Amino acid sequence: MNKRRKLLTGIGCGTVVAAWHKPVINSIVTPAHAQTSVVPLLPEELCPRIVTANVVFGPVSGTTTPPVCSATFDVLSGDASTTLTISSITTNTLTANVTVDVQDLGVATSTTGPRVVWRGPATDAPFCTDLEPTDDVVISVTATCDAAGGEEFIEDFLLSEILRGSVG
């Protein structure tokens, strides 16, 4: 009888295992309050990207010791149909003999915007034909757009990357 009981138990378990299938889920119903909730977008998701363009560089004229180079570029909106308002352009702590001058904060379109002028030592100074700053500079741009309702966002740029992007 013990053998018969084991046999019946074994058959019963085998039948249960063979009859069970992984459930298939075709849809999920969420509660009504979850369907209407909206995750607010961040200003950097609502506004166009900040871009740099019109990069020019070369030697600083006159006698400078140590020899330094100069690079100028514009801060622009990455979208021709949407302007940005640039409220500040700042840098990390600058090393000796390096200056950054920011001109005309305010509205940035895809063609015009604030201008940044960097002056400092470079690996090929005083010639400055293949400009590579001796010490890189982090440039932080704070901006907003109408779609962000005045909320600002910040994008960081490395001067070396801005300069590399200007090489055709």
Protein backbone atom coordinates (compact mmCIF):
# COMPACT_ATOMS: atom_id res chain seq x y z
CA MET A 1 0.00 0.00 0.00
CA ASN A 2 2.89 2.26 0.63
CA LYS A 3 4.08 1.83 -2.98
CA ARG A 4 0.59 2.53 -4.28
CA ARG A 5 0.33 5.72 -2.19
CA LYS A 6 3.71 6.97 -3.50
CA LEU A 7 2.65 6.19 -7.05
CA LEU A 8 -0.65 8.10 -6.68
CA THR A 9 1.11 11.06 -5.03
CA GLY A 10 3.68 11.12 -7.83
CA ILE A 11 0.98 11.03 -10.51
CA GLY A 12 -0.98 13.83 -8.80
CA CYS A 13 2.04 16.13 -8.59
CA GLY A 14 2.99 15.44 -12.17
CA THR A 15 -0.52 16.32 -13.29
CA VAL A 16 -0.49 19.60 -11.38
CA VAL A 17 2.86 20.61 -12.83
CA ALA A 18 1.82 19.71 -16.37
CA ALA A 19 -1.47 21.62 -16.08
CA TRP A 20 0.03 24.90 -14.76
CA HIS A 21 1.11 27.54 -17.31
CA LYS A 22 2.74 30.91 -16.82
CA PRO A 23 -0.02 33.56 -16.97
CA VAL A 24 -0.08 35.93 -19.94
CA ILE A 25 -0.72 39.60 -19.14
CA ASN A 26 -2.30 41.47 -22.02
CA SER A 27 -2.98 44.75 -20.23
CA ILE A 28 -2.63 46.53 -16.94
CA VAL A 29 -5.33 48.81 -15.61
CA THR A 30 -4.11 51.72 -13.50
CA PRO A 31 -6.31 53.69 -11.11
CA ALA A 32 -7.87 56.86 -12.52
CA HIS A 33 -5.74 59.17 -10.35
CA ALA A 34 -2.54 57.59 -11.73
CA GLN A 35 -3.63 58.06 -15.34
CA THR A 36 -4.02 61.81 -14.99
CA SER A 37 -0.85 62.59 -13.03
CA VAL A 38 1.85 64.33 -15.08
CA VAL A 39 5.52 64.39 -14.20
CA PRO A 40 6.66 68.01 -14.61
CA LEU A 41 9.51 68.54 -17.07
CA LEU A 42 12.75 70.18 -15.97
CA PRO A 43 13.79 73.50 -17.56
CA GLU A 44 16.59 71.77 -19.49
CA GLU A 45 13.96 69.47 -21.02
CA LEU A 46 11.70 72.38 -21.99
CA CYS A 47 14.36 74.72 -23.37
CA PRO A 48 16.75 74.21 -26.28
CA ARG A 49 20.33 73.21 -25.58
CA ILE A 50 22.92 75.89 -25.04
CA VAL A 51 25.53 75.79 -27.81
CA THR A 52 28.74 77.63 -28.62
CA ALA A 53 29.71 78.89 -32.06
CA ASN A 54 31.70 81.50 -33.98
CA VAL A 55 34.94 80.41 -32.32
CA VAL A 56 38.05 82.37 -33.29
CA PHE A 57 41.47 82.25 -31.67
CA GLY A 58 44.97 83.55 -32.13
CA PRO A 59 47.86 85.31 -30.48
CA VAL A 60 47.39 88.37 -28.29
CA SER A 61 49.01 91.32 -30.01
CA GLY A 62 51.69 93.30 -28.22
CA THR A 63 54.29 92.09 -25.81
CA THR A 64 53.00 89.78 -23.09
CA THR A 65 55.04 87.84 -20.61
CA PRO A 66 54.35 84.98 -20.49
CA PRO A 67 53.05 84.76 -24.06
CA VAL A 68 49.30 84.21 -24.10
CA CYS A 69 46.63 83.35 -26.64
CA SER A 70 43.06 84.54 -27.01
CA ALA A 71 39.85 82.68 -27.87
CA THR A 72 36.45 84.23 -28.51
CA PHE A 73 33.12 82.44 -28.91
CA ASP A 74 29.38 83.11 -28.75
CA VAL A 75 26.85 81.39 -26.48
CA LEU A 76 23.70 80.60 -28.50
CA SER A 77 20.36 78.80 -28.50
CA GLY A 78 20.45 75.37 -30.10
CA ASP A 79 17.03 75.94 -31.70
CA ALA A 80 16.41 78.56 -34.39
CA SER A 81 12.77 78.96 -33.31
CA THR A 82 13.34 79.40 -29.55
CA THR A 83 15.43 82.02 -27.77
CA LEU A 84 17.20 81.55 -24.47
CA THR A 85 17.82 84.14 -21.81
CA ILE A 86 21.37 83.81 -20.52
CA SER A 87 21.53 85.18 -16.97
CA SER A 88 25.13 84.31 -16.09
CA ILE A 89 28.33 82.84 -17.43
CA THR A 90 30.88 81.86 -14.79
CA THR A 91 34.08 79.86 -14.61
CA ASN A 92 35.92 77.68 -12.16
CA THR A 93 38.82 79.30 -10.31
CA LEU A 94 41.22 80.66 -12.90
CA THR A 95 44.98 80.10 -12.75
CA ALA A 96 47.59 82.84 -13.03
CA ASN A 97 47.66 84.85 -16.27
CA VAL A 98 44.15 83.66 -17.31
CA THR A 99 41.18 85.97 -17.77
CA VAL A 100 37.63 85.39 -19.00
CA ASP A 101 35.52 88.35 -20.07
CA VAL A 102 31.78 87.96 -20.67
CA GLN A 103 30.00 90.48 -22.87
CA ASP A 104 26.28 91.18 -23.34
CA LEU A 105 24.36 88.73 -21.15
CA GLY A 106 20.70 88.41 -22.17
CA VAL A 107 18.88 87.01 -25.15
CA ALA A 108 20.55 84.29 -27.20
CA THR A 109 19.19 83.24 -30.58
CA SER A 110 20.66 80.60 -32.86
CA THR A 111 22.89 83.26 -34.47
CA THR A 112 23.59 85.90 -31.80
CA GLY A 113 24.19 85.82 -28.09
CA PRO A 114 26.60 86.66 -25.30
CA ARG A 115 30.26 86.66 -26.26
CA VAL A 116 33.02 85.11 -24.15
CA VAL A 117 36.69 86.09 -24.47
CA TRP A 118 39.37 83.88 -22.88
CA ARG A 119 43.01 84.95 -22.61
CA GLY A 120 45.74 82.77 -21.18
CA PRO A 121 48.79 80.58 -21.63
CA ALA A 122 48.57 77.84 -24.24
CA THR A 123 50.81 75.00 -25.35
CA ASP A 124 51.69 76.68 -28.65
CA ALA A 125 51.86 80.33 -27.49
CA PRO A 126 52.81 82.80 -28.85
CA PHE A 127 51.72 81.39 -32.24
CA CYS A 128 48.31 80.06 -31.10
CA THR A 129 47.54 78.25 -34.35
CA ASP A 130 46.50 74.97 -32.69
CA LEU A 131 45.13 76.41 -29.47
CA GLU A 132 45.32 74.15 -26.41
CA PRO A 133 45.00 76.00 -23.08
CA THR A 134 47.70 75.09 -20.56
CA ASP A 135 44.98 74.86 -17.88
CA ASP A 136 41.45 73.99 -18.97
CA VAL A 137 38.55 76.19 -17.88
CA VAL A 138 35.05 75.05 -16.96
CA ILE A 139 32.50 77.54 -18.28
CA SER A 140 29.06 77.35 -16.63
CA VAL A 141 26.14 78.95 -18.47
CA THR A 142 22.87 79.65 -16.65
CA ALA A 143 19.80 80.08 -18.88
CA THR A 144 16.03 79.88 -19.16
CA CYS A 145 13.37 80.11 -21.87
CA ASP A 146 9.69 81.08 -22.00
CA ALA A 147 8.54 77.44 -21.82
CA ALA A 148 10.37 77.01 -18.48
CA GLY A 149 8.45 79.88 -16.88
CA GLY A 150 11.59 81.54 -15.56
CA GLU A 151 13.10 78.40 -14.01
CA GLU A 152 16.80 78.26 -14.85
CA PHE A 153 19.16 75.46 -15.76
CA ILE A 154 22.95 75.27 -16.01
CA GLU A 155 25.14 73.68 -18.67
CA ASP A 156 28.90 73.27 -18.23
CA PHE A 157 31.43 73.44 -21.06
CA LEU A 158 35.17 72.81 -21.15
CA LEU A 159 37.12 75.45 -23.05
CA SER A 160 39.25 72.72 -24.67
CA GLU A 161 36.11 71.02 -26.05
CA ILE A 162 34.75 74.32 -27.38
CA LEU A 163 38.06 74.89 -29.16
CA ARG A 164 38.22 71.33 -30.54
CA GLY A 165 34.68 71.72 -31.90
CA SER A 166 35.79 74.74 -33.91
CA VAL A 167 38.36 72.78 -35.91
CA GLY A 168 36.82 71.85 -39.25
